[in-house]
Every structure is written in structure tokens, then in C-alpha cells.
Amino acid sequence: MNKSRIVILGVAVVAAVGAGYMAKNLASRPADNVIVETGPQEPQVELKEVLVVGQDVPMGSTLGSAVRWQAWPADTINETYITRDSHPDAVEDLKNSVARLTLYSGEPLRHAKLIGEGQSFMSAILPPGKRAVATQIAADTSAGGFILPNDYVDVIMTRRSENAATPDGFVTETILRNIRVLAIDQTIQEDEDGRRVKVGETATLELTPEQAEVITVAQQMADRLTLALRSLADANEQPDNDGLYLVTGTGRGNSVRLIRSGEVSEVGTRK
């Protein structure tokens, strides 16, 4: 073997030994500590438990088990919310309360939307100065059973004509306009085609004292009272008392009407 090959083999052996030594040192060298810089720590959100509605509760229904506690960001809690800190026994204490308005799932509960146990629902939802008057209506002609609480209606009276020339005729007139319906009884009946429909025969209306007198007189005079459903867009219109003459005797003949034992008669004319 010539000398050049021996030299090359020697260099290769030395290089291999050196590479192995370096690899051993790198493997045994402790890793450098790595410091990861992060931004400032965000403060934790403070939570408090708020009483919320767990399922929809219709107006006039009791709460029962429809409420539950739910964590809520403390800085977004309204003072009207019911919290566990202020009322820890609220779930048990309020289970017999009645919903003054329709409550929807997920909304925080407020005392203002509830009627306490033992309180009258109707008197609680009645605005100050208003009266709740129940009246018989024509079930077959009152918007086909589609009139519901909080709808607005006109009250139409149909009665026999007082004109001697048409003794068998009828007069139809709107005596009250834009009146809010507080409640309406609805029963399920079958129509001529066998379909099951909801109809109401008694409506409870929100009236002023003067309107209450009008509807009371109209019930004595009318052969039929009908409710005409109004558009929701008209709900802001001021109610009209077209039938006020039934009580005051002014207008439409200026006659004074006397109701005795259910019979209506004219006893004179106002001057």
C-alpha cells in the first residue's frame, strides 16, 4: 500500500473520531432556558349568579320550575335583576308567582314582571284609572276566533231600529274604537266542515269609567255586540267614544235613555 493511501485513511479515522466526540458533547449539553415573553395578564371576569328564565312562560302562568341560576358578568348586572347574593331563596320563593307579561327563555328575571302569590292578575295588569269590563260578544263574527289578549278592537253594536217606518230593520254602529282586549275566553268547537276552531264568547276590555258606562248600556240595548280586530299599526291612535251619547243623551236625538229591568226606554229630551 502506498504512503498516500495510508495518509488518507489516517485523516478519515481522525475525522470520524472527532465527529463522534463532538456529537457526544452536544447530546449531553443541557438545553438553554427559553424565556417566552407574553403580554400583560388579562384580569379574570368577576361572575355572579342571576336568576334567569329557563323556558318560555306565557302571560298569566305561574313560574313553577321555569327559572334557574346562571353565571353572569358582574359589571353587566342591572340593579333590577334578581341575584343569588340578594335573594338566595328566590327559586323557591317565586315559584308560585304569576307572569305579568310573557317571559322568554334566557332573559334575566325582574320583580316588575311578576305578580306576587295571592295577588289578582287582572287588577295587577290594569293601568291606573282604567276599568276591566267583561262583555258578551258574538262568537261567530268576532274575527273568527283570532282576537287574543293585548289586541285592539272596535266594538260594534247591532240593534233593532227605533224608526217606526222600518220596525223590523236593524241599525249597526261602532260605539267604541281602539280598545285593548285584556282577556278573552276561548273554547274549541267544530264548524260546519268538521274543523276544530277556537271561539270566544266573553271578552274583558280595558276601558275608562265613561267607556265602561257605554258598554254597560250597550249590552242592555244591543241584539249583538261584535269585536272588529284592528291593525297593530293603528294601536297608537287615541280611543274614540262614539257611543258616549248612549249614556249622556247628547247627540243623535239628544234623548235620555232609562234602563229598568233590562228594558231601554226614552224618558225625555235634553235641552
C-alpha atoms as a PDB file:
ATOM      1  CA  MET A   1       0.000   0.000   0.000  1.00  0.00           C
ATOM      2  CA  ASN A   2       1.472   3.319  -0.977  1.00  0.00           C
ATOM      3  CA  LYS A   3       2.019   6.108   1.505  1.00  0.00           C
ATOM      4  CA  SER A   4      -0.681   8.443   0.116  1.00  0.00           C
ATOM      5  CA  ARG A   5      -3.443   5.950   0.820  1.00  0.00           C
ATOM      6  CA  ILE A   6      -2.205   5.436   4.367  1.00  0.00           C
ATOM      7  CA  VAL A   7      -2.294   9.189   4.969  1.00  0.00           C
ATOM      8  CA  ILE A   8      -5.841   9.499   3.617  1.00  0.00           C
ATOM      9  CA  LEU A   9      -7.101   6.633   5.821  1.00  0.00           C
ATOM     10  CA  GLY A  10      -5.452   8.184   8.853  1.00  0.00           C
ATOM     11  CA  VAL A  11      -7.113  11.559   8.221  1.00  0.00           C
ATOM     12  CA  ALA A  12     -10.506   9.840   7.784  1.00  0.00           C
ATOM     13  CA  VAL A  13     -10.140   7.951  11.085  1.00  0.00           C
ATOM     14  CA  VAL A  14      -9.178  11.111  12.954  1.00  0.00           C
ATOM     15  CA  ALA A  15     -12.112  12.998  11.448  1.00  0.00           C
ATOM     16  CA  ALA A  16     -14.559  10.224  12.406  1.00  0.00           C
ATOM     17  CA  VAL A  17     -13.281  10.149  15.980  1.00  0.00           C
ATOM     18  CA  GLY A  18     -13.551  13.917  16.227  1.00  0.00           C
ATOM     19  CA  ALA A  19     -17.121  13.973  14.849  1.00  0.00           C
ATOM     20  CA  GLY A  20     -18.221  11.289  17.346  1.00  0.00           C
ATOM     21  CA  TYR A  21     -16.699  13.217  20.220  1.00  0.00           C
ATOM     22  CA  MET A  22     -18.460  16.433  19.218  1.00  0.00           C
ATOM     23  CA  ALA A  23     -21.808  14.647  18.843  1.00  0.00           C
ATOM     24  CA  LYS A  24     -21.432  13.143  22.334  1.00  0.00           C
ATOM     25  CA  ASN A  25     -20.743  16.548  23.865  1.00  0.00           C
ATOM     26  CA  LEU A  26     -23.724  18.168  22.122  1.00  0.00           C
ATOM     27  CA  ALA A  27     -26.090  15.430  23.297  1.00  0.00           C
ATOM     28  CA  SER A  28     -25.026  15.736  26.930  1.00  0.00           C
ATOM     29  CA  ARG A  29     -25.096  19.563  26.975  1.00  0.00           C
ATOM     30  CA  PRO A  30     -28.043  20.966  28.991  1.00  0.00           C
ATOM     31  CA  ALA A  31     -30.551  22.895  26.930  1.00  0.00           C
ATOM     32  CA  ASP A  32     -30.584  26.625  27.328  1.00  0.00           C
ATOM     33  CA  ASN A  33     -33.556  28.053  29.243  1.00  0.00           C
ATOM     34  CA  VAL A  34     -36.027  29.555  26.769  1.00  0.00           C
ATOM     35  CA  ILE A  35     -37.984  32.561  28.045  1.00  0.00           C
ATOM     36  CA  VAL A  36     -41.232  33.240  26.208  1.00  0.00           C
ATOM     37  CA  GLU A  37     -42.430  36.768  26.646  1.00  0.00           C
ATOM     38  CA  THR A  38     -46.185  37.239  26.910  1.00  0.00           C
ATOM     39  CA  GLY A  39     -48.320  40.318  27.175  1.00  0.00           C
ATOM     40  CA  PRO A  40     -49.847  41.578  30.414  1.00  0.00           C
ATOM     41  CA  GLN A  41     -52.210  39.101  32.097  1.00  0.00           C
ATOM     42  CA  GLU A  42     -55.897  39.864  31.498  1.00  0.00           C
ATOM     43  CA  PRO A  43     -57.823  40.243  34.752  1.00  0.00           C
ATOM     44  CA  GLN A  44     -60.364  37.469  35.428  1.00  0.00           C
ATOM     45  CA  VAL A  45     -64.024  38.408  34.765  1.00  0.00           C
ATOM     46  CA  GLU A  46     -65.985  38.545  38.011  1.00  0.00           C
ATOM     47  CA  LEU A  47     -69.172  36.463  37.785  1.00  0.00           C
ATOM     48  CA  LYS A  48     -72.312  36.465  39.870  1.00  0.00           C
ATOM     49  CA  GLU A  49     -75.349  34.220  39.681  1.00  0.00           C
ATOM     50  CA  VAL A  50     -78.507  35.768  38.238  1.00  0.00           C
ATOM     51  CA  LEU A  51     -81.986  34.240  38.148  1.00  0.00           C
ATOM     52  CA  VAL A  52     -82.983  33.652  34.513  1.00  0.00           C
ATOM     53  CA  VAL A  53     -85.986  32.139  32.773  1.00  0.00           C
ATOM     54  CA  GLY A  54     -85.245  28.590  31.654  1.00  0.00           C
ATOM     55  CA  GLN A  55     -88.237  28.250  29.313  1.00  0.00           C
ATOM     56  CA  ASP A  56     -90.949  30.485  27.850  1.00  0.00           C
ATOM     57  CA  VAL A  57     -93.657  31.403  30.372  1.00  0.00           C
ATOM     58  CA  PRO A  58     -96.949  32.734  28.905  1.00  0.00           C
ATOM     59  CA  MET A  59     -98.561  35.789  30.440  1.00  0.00           C
ATOM     60  CA  GLY A  60    -100.767  34.784  33.379  1.00  0.00           C
ATOM     61  CA  SER A  61     -98.946  31.496  34.026  1.00  0.00           C
ATOM     62  CA  THR A  62     -97.104  30.594  37.229  1.00  0.00           C
ATOM     63  CA  LEU A  63     -93.318  30.327  37.163  1.00  0.00           C
ATOM     64  CA  GLY A  64     -93.098  26.885  38.751  1.00  0.00           C
ATOM     65  CA  SER A  65     -89.743  25.335  37.861  1.00  0.00           C
ATOM     66  CA  ALA A  66     -89.129  27.558  34.829  1.00  0.00           C
ATOM     67  CA  VAL A  67     -86.278  29.554  36.443  1.00  0.00           C
ATOM     68  CA  ARG A  68     -82.648  28.730  37.228  1.00  0.00           C
ATOM     69  CA  TRP A  69     -79.416  30.381  38.380  1.00  0.00           C
ATOM     70  CA  GLN A  70     -76.885  31.346  35.725  1.00  0.00           C
ATOM     71  CA  ALA A  71     -73.407  32.912  35.961  1.00  0.00           C
ATOM     72  CA  TRP A  72     -73.438  36.485  34.697  1.00  0.00           C
ATOM     73  CA  PRO A  73     -70.660  39.110  34.316  1.00  0.00           C
ATOM     74  CA  ALA A  74     -70.894  41.246  37.438  1.00  0.00           C
ATOM     75  CA  ASP A  75     -70.303  44.536  35.629  1.00  0.00           C
ATOM     76  CA  THR A  76     -73.306  43.953  33.300  1.00  0.00           C
ATOM     77  CA  ILE A  77     -75.859  43.105  36.013  1.00  0.00           C
ATOM     78  CA  ASN A  78     -78.759  45.549  36.134  1.00  0.00           C
ATOM     79  CA  GLU A  79     -79.969  46.561  39.576  1.00  0.00           C
ATOM     80  CA  THR A  80     -83.410  45.137  38.740  1.00  0.00           C
ATOM     81  CA  TYR A  81     -82.034  41.609  38.211  1.00  0.00           C
ATOM     82  CA  ILE A  82     -82.567  39.017  40.917  1.00  0.00           C
ATOM     83  CA  THR A  83     -79.182  37.736  42.142  1.00  0.00           C
ATOM     84  CA  ARG A  84     -78.320  34.876  44.462  1.00  0.00           C
ATOM     85  CA  ASP A  85     -76.463  37.334  46.713  1.00  0.00           C
ATOM     86  CA  SER A  86     -79.556  39.499  47.245  1.00  0.00           C
ATOM     87  CA  HIS A  87     -82.211  36.765  47.173  1.00  0.00           C
ATOM     88  CA  PRO A  88     -80.666  33.304  47.711  1.00  0.00           C
ATOM     89  CA  ASP A  89     -84.054  31.545  48.083  1.00  0.00           C
ATOM     90  CA  ALA A  90     -85.630  33.164  45.002  1.00  0.00           C
ATOM     91  CA  VAL A  91     -86.238  29.885  43.128  1.00  0.00           C
ATOM     92  CA  GLU A  92     -88.416  28.570  45.949  1.00  0.00           C
ATOM     93  CA  ASP A  93     -89.954  31.900  46.964  1.00  0.00           C
ATOM     94  CA  LEU A  94     -91.080  32.870  43.444  1.00  0.00           C
ATOM     95  CA  LYS A  95     -92.326  29.528  42.103  1.00  0.00           C
ATOM     96  CA  ASN A  96     -95.983  30.482  42.724  1.00  0.00           C
ATOM     97  CA  SER A  97     -95.644  33.974  41.235  1.00  0.00           C
ATOM     98  CA  VAL A  98     -97.556  34.770  38.053  1.00  0.00           C
ATOM     99  CA  ALA A  99     -96.038  36.278  34.914  1.00  0.00           C
ATOM    100  CA  ARG A 100     -97.393  39.785  34.352  1.00  0.00           C
ATOM    101  CA  LEU A 101     -96.023  39.639  30.779  1.00  0.00           C
ATOM    102  CA  THR A 102     -94.790  36.836  28.548  1.00  0.00           C
ATOM    103  CA  LEU A 103     -91.326  35.739  29.720  1.00  0.00           C
ATOM    104  CA  TYR A 104     -88.839  34.303  27.239  1.00  0.00           C
ATOM    105  CA  SER A 105     -86.182  31.657  27.785  1.00  0.00           C
ATOM    106  CA  GLY A 106     -82.778  33.073  28.708  1.00  0.00           C
ATOM    107  CA  GLU A 107     -83.888  36.503  29.899  1.00  0.00           C
ATOM    108  CA  PRO A 108     -82.985  37.690  33.431  1.00  0.00           C
ATOM    109  CA  LEU A 109     -85.998  37.755  35.726  1.00  0.00           C
ATOM    110  CA  ARG A 110     -87.269  41.012  37.241  1.00  0.00           C
ATOM    111  CA  HIS A 111     -89.758  41.528  40.075  1.00  0.00           C
ATOM    112  CA  ALA A 112     -91.585  44.106  37.924  1.00  0.00           C
ATOM    113  CA  LYS A 113     -92.624  41.330  35.522  1.00  0.00           C
ATOM    114  CA  LEU A 114     -94.155  39.199  38.269  1.00  0.00           C
ATOM    115  CA  ILE A 115     -97.370  39.218  40.261  1.00  0.00           C
ATOM    116  CA  GLY A 116     -96.927  38.024  43.808  1.00  0.00           C
ATOM    117  CA  GLU A 117     -98.673  34.946  45.142  1.00  0.00           C
ATOM    118  CA  GLY A 118    -102.253  35.724  46.158  1.00  0.00           C
ATOM    119  CA  GLN A 119    -102.489  38.942  44.127  1.00  0.00           C
ATOM    120  CA  SER A 120    -105.139  39.379  41.432  1.00  0.00           C
ATOM    121  CA  PHE A 121    -103.741  39.029  37.923  1.00  0.00           C
ATOM    122  CA  MET A 122    -106.330  41.264  36.280  1.00  0.00           C
ATOM    123  CA  SER A 123    -106.028  44.145  38.749  1.00  0.00           C
ATOM    124  CA  ALA A 124    -102.227  43.923  38.546  1.00  0.00           C
ATOM    125  CA  ILE A 125    -102.087  44.377  34.760  1.00  0.00           C
ATOM    126  CA  LEU A 126    -104.765  47.094  34.688  1.00  0.00           C
ATOM    127  CA  PRO A 127    -103.286  50.607  34.232  1.00  0.00           C
ATOM    128  CA  PRO A 128    -104.224  53.288  36.779  1.00  0.00           C
ATOM    129  CA  GLY A 129    -107.568  54.938  36.034  1.00  0.00           C
ATOM    130  CA  LYS A 130    -108.763  52.085  33.815  1.00  0.00           C
ATOM    131  CA  ARG A 131    -111.553  49.571  34.363  1.00  0.00           C
ATOM    132  CA  ALA A 132    -111.832  45.940  33.290  1.00  0.00           C
ATOM    133  CA  VAL A 133    -115.309  45.162  31.954  1.00  0.00           C
ATOM    134  CA  ALA A 134    -116.422  41.774  30.697  1.00  0.00           C
ATOM    135  CA  THR A 135    -118.966  41.720  27.900  1.00  0.00           C
ATOM    136  CA  GLN A 136    -120.726  39.069  25.868  1.00  0.00           C
ATOM    137  CA  ILE A 137    -119.712  39.097  22.205  1.00  0.00           C
ATOM    138  CA  ALA A 138    -120.852  37.361  19.047  1.00  0.00           C
ATOM    139  CA  ALA A 139    -118.535  34.363  18.889  1.00  0.00           C
ATOM    140  CA  ASP A 140    -119.273  33.615  15.249  1.00  0.00           C
ATOM    141  CA  THR A 141    -118.437  37.105  13.978  1.00  0.00           C
ATOM    142  CA  SER A 142    -115.570  38.317  16.190  1.00  0.00           C
ATOM    143  CA  ALA A 143    -112.635  37.915  13.785  1.00  0.00           C
ATOM    144  CA  GLY A 144    -113.099  34.176  13.566  1.00  0.00           C
ATOM    145  CA  GLY A 145    -111.566  33.489  16.975  1.00  0.00           C
ATOM    146  CA  PHE A 146    -108.301  35.269  16.166  1.00  0.00           C
ATOM    147  CA  ILE A 147    -108.744  38.020  18.777  1.00  0.00           C
ATOM    148  CA  LEU A 148    -106.306  37.496  21.650  1.00  0.00           C
ATOM    149  CA  PRO A 149    -105.265  39.409  24.799  1.00  0.00           C
ATOM    150  CA  ASN A 150    -103.449  42.692  24.023  1.00  0.00           C
ATOM    151  CA  ASP A 151    -105.134  43.014  20.631  1.00  0.00           C
ATOM    152  CA  TYR A 152    -107.005  46.254  19.865  1.00  0.00           C
ATOM    153  CA  VAL A 153    -110.578  46.189  18.631  1.00  0.00           C
ATOM    154  CA  ASP A 154    -113.589  48.304  17.732  1.00  0.00           C
ATOM    155  CA  VAL A 155    -116.865  47.451  19.456  1.00  0.00           C
ATOM    156  CA  ILE A 156    -119.801  47.310  17.036  1.00  0.00           C
ATOM    157  CA  MET A 157    -123.383  47.283  18.273  1.00  0.00           C
ATOM    158  CA  THR A 158    -126.261  45.870  16.249  1.00  0.00           C
ATOM    159  CA  ARG A 159    -129.785  46.660  17.477  1.00  0.00           C
ATOM    160  CA  ARG A 160    -133.297  46.961  16.183  1.00  0.00           C
ATOM    161  CA  SER A 161    -134.140  50.227  14.518  1.00  0.00           C
ATOM    162  CA  GLU A 162    -136.231  52.709  16.510  1.00  0.00           C
ATOM    163  CA  ASN A 163    -137.613  54.136  13.301  1.00  0.00           C
ATOM    164  CA  ALA A 164    -141.326  53.363  13.130  1.00  0.00           C
ATOM    165  CA  ALA A 165    -141.148  53.215   9.340  1.00  0.00           C
ATOM    166  CA  THR A 166    -138.806  50.194   9.499  1.00  0.00           C
ATOM    167  CA  PRO A 167    -139.872  48.287  12.603  1.00  0.00           C
ATOM    168  CA  ASP A 168    -138.089  45.110  11.521  1.00  0.00           C
ATOM    169  CA  GLY A 169    -134.864  46.856  10.480  1.00  0.00           C
ATOM    170  CA  PHE A 170    -131.546  46.841  12.293  1.00  0.00           C
ATOM    171  CA  VAL A 171    -129.008  49.571  12.972  1.00  0.00           C
ATOM    172  CA  THR A 172    -125.291  48.863  13.207  1.00  0.00           C
ATOM    173  CA  GLU A 173    -122.893  51.389  14.712  1.00  0.00           C
ATOM    174  CA  THR A 174    -119.394  51.489  16.164  1.00  0.00           C
ATOM    175  CA  ILE A 175    -119.702  52.617  19.771  1.00  0.00           C
ATOM    176  CA  LEU A 176    -116.057  52.264  20.914  1.00  0.00           C
ATOM    177  CA  ARG A 177    -112.826  52.365  18.918  1.00  0.00           C
ATOM    178  CA  ASN A 178    -109.269  51.201  19.554  1.00  0.00           C
ATOM    179  CA  ILE A 179    -109.996  49.326  22.748  1.00  0.00           C
ATOM    180  CA  ARG A 180    -107.447  46.963  24.277  1.00  0.00           C
ATOM    181  CA  VAL A 181    -108.519  43.383  24.989  1.00  0.00           C
ATOM    182  CA  LEU A 182    -107.325  42.231  28.409  1.00  0.00           C
ATOM    183  CA  ALA A 183    -108.645  38.688  28.224  1.00  0.00           C
ATOM    184  CA  ILE A 184    -110.925  36.584  26.093  1.00  0.00           C
ATOM    185  CA  ASP A 185    -112.348  33.176  26.833  1.00  0.00           C
ATOM    186  CA  GLN A 186    -111.792  30.684  24.057  1.00  0.00           C
ATOM    187  CA  THR A 187    -113.264  27.238  23.634  1.00  0.00           C
ATOM    188  CA  ILE A 188    -112.696  24.716  20.885  1.00  0.00           C
ATOM    189  CA  GLN A 189    -115.702  23.923  18.715  1.00  0.00           C
ATOM    190  CA  GLU A 190    -116.291  22.222  15.369  1.00  0.00           C
ATOM    191  CA  ASP A 191    -117.508  24.238  12.415  1.00  0.00           C
ATOM    192  CA  GLU A 192    -119.824  23.015   9.664  1.00  0.00           C
ATOM    193  CA  ASP A 193    -116.954  21.300   7.852  1.00  0.00           C
ATOM    194  CA  GLY A 194    -115.880  19.408  10.948  1.00  0.00           C
ATOM    195  CA  ARG A 195    -112.825  21.566  11.568  1.00  0.00           C
ATOM    196  CA  ARG A 196    -111.944  22.402  15.164  1.00  0.00           C
ATOM    197  CA  VAL A 197    -111.808  26.156  15.734  1.00  0.00           C
ATOM    198  CA  LYS A 198    -111.343  28.444  18.725  1.00  0.00           C
ATOM    199  CA  VAL A 199    -114.142  30.857  19.513  1.00  0.00           C
ATOM    200  CA  GLY A 200    -114.681  33.297  22.364  1.00  0.00           C
ATOM    201  CA  GLU A 201    -117.976  34.404  23.834  1.00  0.00           C
ATOM    202  CA  THR A 202    -116.811  36.767  26.579  1.00  0.00           C
ATOM    203  CA  ALA A 203    -114.197  39.491  26.247  1.00  0.00           C
ATOM    204  CA  THR A 204    -112.698  41.579  29.044  1.00  0.00           C
ATOM    205  CA  LEU A 205    -111.911  45.066  27.792  1.00  0.00           C
ATOM    206  CA  GLU A 206    -109.700  47.833  29.182  1.00  0.00           C
ATOM    207  CA  LEU A 207    -111.936  50.914  29.445  1.00  0.00           C
ATOM    208  CA  THR A 208    -112.148  54.326  31.021  1.00  0.00           C
ATOM    209  CA  PRO A 209    -115.007  54.848  33.504  1.00  0.00           C
ATOM    210  CA  GLU A 210    -117.035  56.611  30.777  1.00  0.00           C
ATOM    211  CA  GLN A 211    -116.434  53.785  28.301  1.00  0.00           C
ATOM    212  CA  ALA A 212    -117.454  51.284  30.979  1.00  0.00           C
ATOM    213  CA  GLU A 213    -120.821  53.037  31.218  1.00  0.00           C
ATOM    214  CA  VAL A 214    -121.184  52.977  27.431  1.00  0.00           C
ATOM    215  CA  ILE A 215    -120.563  49.244  27.184  1.00  0.00           C
ATOM    216  CA  THR A 216    -122.945  48.568  30.071  1.00  0.00           C
ATOM    217  CA  VAL A 217    -125.778  50.456  28.353  1.00  0.00           C
ATOM    218  CA  ALA A 218    -124.935  48.858  25.008  1.00  0.00           C
ATOM    219  CA  GLN A 219    -125.244  45.376  26.482  1.00  0.00           C
ATOM    220  CA  GLN A 220    -128.812  46.205  27.512  1.00  0.00           C
ATOM    221  CA  MET A 221    -129.746  47.742  24.164  1.00  0.00           C
ATOM    222  CA  ALA A 222    -127.914  45.547  21.664  1.00  0.00           C
ATOM    223  CA  ASP A 223    -129.126  42.448  19.932  1.00  0.00           C
ATOM    224  CA  ARG A 224    -125.480  41.696  19.267  1.00  0.00           C
ATOM    225  CA  LEU A 225    -122.062  43.104  20.159  1.00  0.00           C
ATOM    226  CA  THR A 226    -119.200  42.327  17.804  1.00  0.00           C
ATOM    227  CA  LEU A 227    -115.464  42.945  18.132  1.00  0.00           C
ATOM    228  CA  ALA A 228    -113.636  44.075  14.987  1.00  0.00           C
ATOM    229  CA  LEU A 229    -109.895  43.387  15.119  1.00  0.00           C
ATOM    230  CA  ARG A 230    -107.715  46.403  14.337  1.00  0.00           C
ATOM    231  CA  SER A 231    -104.289  46.521  12.726  1.00  0.00           C
ATOM    232  CA  LEU A 232    -101.331  46.691  15.092  1.00  0.00           C
ATOM    233  CA  ALA A 233    -100.224  49.819  13.222  1.00  0.00           C
ATOM    234  CA  ASP A 234    -103.344  51.623  14.493  1.00  0.00           C
ATOM    235  CA  ALA A 235    -102.744  50.824  18.162  1.00  0.00           C
ATOM    236  CA  ASN A 236    -101.292  54.278  18.910  1.00  0.00           C
ATOM    237  CA  GLU A 237    -104.446  56.076  17.849  1.00  0.00           C
ATOM    238  CA  GLN A 238    -106.480  57.676  20.605  1.00  0.00           C
ATOM    239  CA  PRO A 239    -109.611  55.677  21.528  1.00  0.00           C
ATOM    240  CA  ASP A 240    -112.902  57.267  20.412  1.00  0.00           C
ATOM    241  CA  ASN A 241    -116.100  57.330  22.435  1.00  0.00           C
ATOM    242  CA  ASP A 242    -118.590  57.270  19.590  1.00  0.00           C
ATOM    243  CA  GLY A 243    -121.173  55.673  21.836  1.00  0.00           C
ATOM    244  CA  LEU A 244    -120.965  58.224  24.629  1.00  0.00           C
ATOM    245  CA  TYR A 245    -124.372  59.549  23.577  1.00  0.00           C
ATOM    246  CA  LEU A 246    -125.874  56.316  24.907  1.00  0.00           C
ATOM    247  CA  VAL A 247    -125.034  57.496  28.417  1.00  0.00           C
ATOM    248  CA  THR A 248    -125.138  61.299  28.217  1.00  0.00           C
ATOM    249  CA  GLY A 249    -128.125  61.581  25.924  1.00  0.00           C
ATOM    250  CA  THR A 250    -126.352  64.228  23.860  1.00  0.00           C
ATOM    251  CA  GLY A 251    -126.216  63.894  20.093  1.00  0.00           C
ATOM    252  CA  ARG A 252    -128.192  61.528  17.907  1.00  0.00           C
ATOM    253  CA  GLY A 253    -131.524  62.898  19.023  1.00  0.00           C
ATOM    254  CA  ASN A 254    -130.414  64.194  22.450  1.00  0.00           C
ATOM    255  CA  SER A 255    -132.708  61.649  24.053  1.00  0.00           C
ATOM    256  CA  VAL A 256    -132.360  60.483  27.635  1.00  0.00           C
ATOM    257  CA  ARG A 257    -132.448  56.710  27.954  1.00  0.00           C
ATOM    258  CA  LEU A 258    -133.727  54.896  31.033  1.00  0.00           C
ATOM    259  CA  ILE A 259    -132.765  51.286  31.653  1.00  0.00           C
ATOM    260  CA  ARG A 260    -135.085  49.444  34.026  1.00  0.00           C
ATOM    261  CA  SER A 261    -135.122  45.660  34.460  1.00  0.00           C
ATOM    262  CA  GLY A 262    -133.203  45.266  31.238  1.00  0.00           C
ATOM    263  CA  GLU A 263    -135.671  47.346  29.201  1.00  0.00           C
ATOM    264  CA  VAL A 264    -134.464  50.526  27.484  1.00  0.00           C
ATOM    265  CA  SER A 265    -136.835  53.425  27.056  1.00  0.00           C
ATOM    266  CA  GLU A 266    -136.605  57.119  26.216  1.00  0.00           C
ATOM    267  CA  VAL A 267    -137.967  59.260  29.001  1.00  0.00           C
ATOM    268  CA  GLY A 268    -137.343  62.706  27.585  1.00  0.00           C
ATOM    269  CA  THR A 269    -135.120  65.020  25.628  1.00  0.00           C
ATOM    270  CA  ARG A 270    -132.205  67.013  26.946  1.00  0.00           C
ATOM    271  CA  LYS A 271    -132.350  70.729  26.479  1.00  0.00           C
END
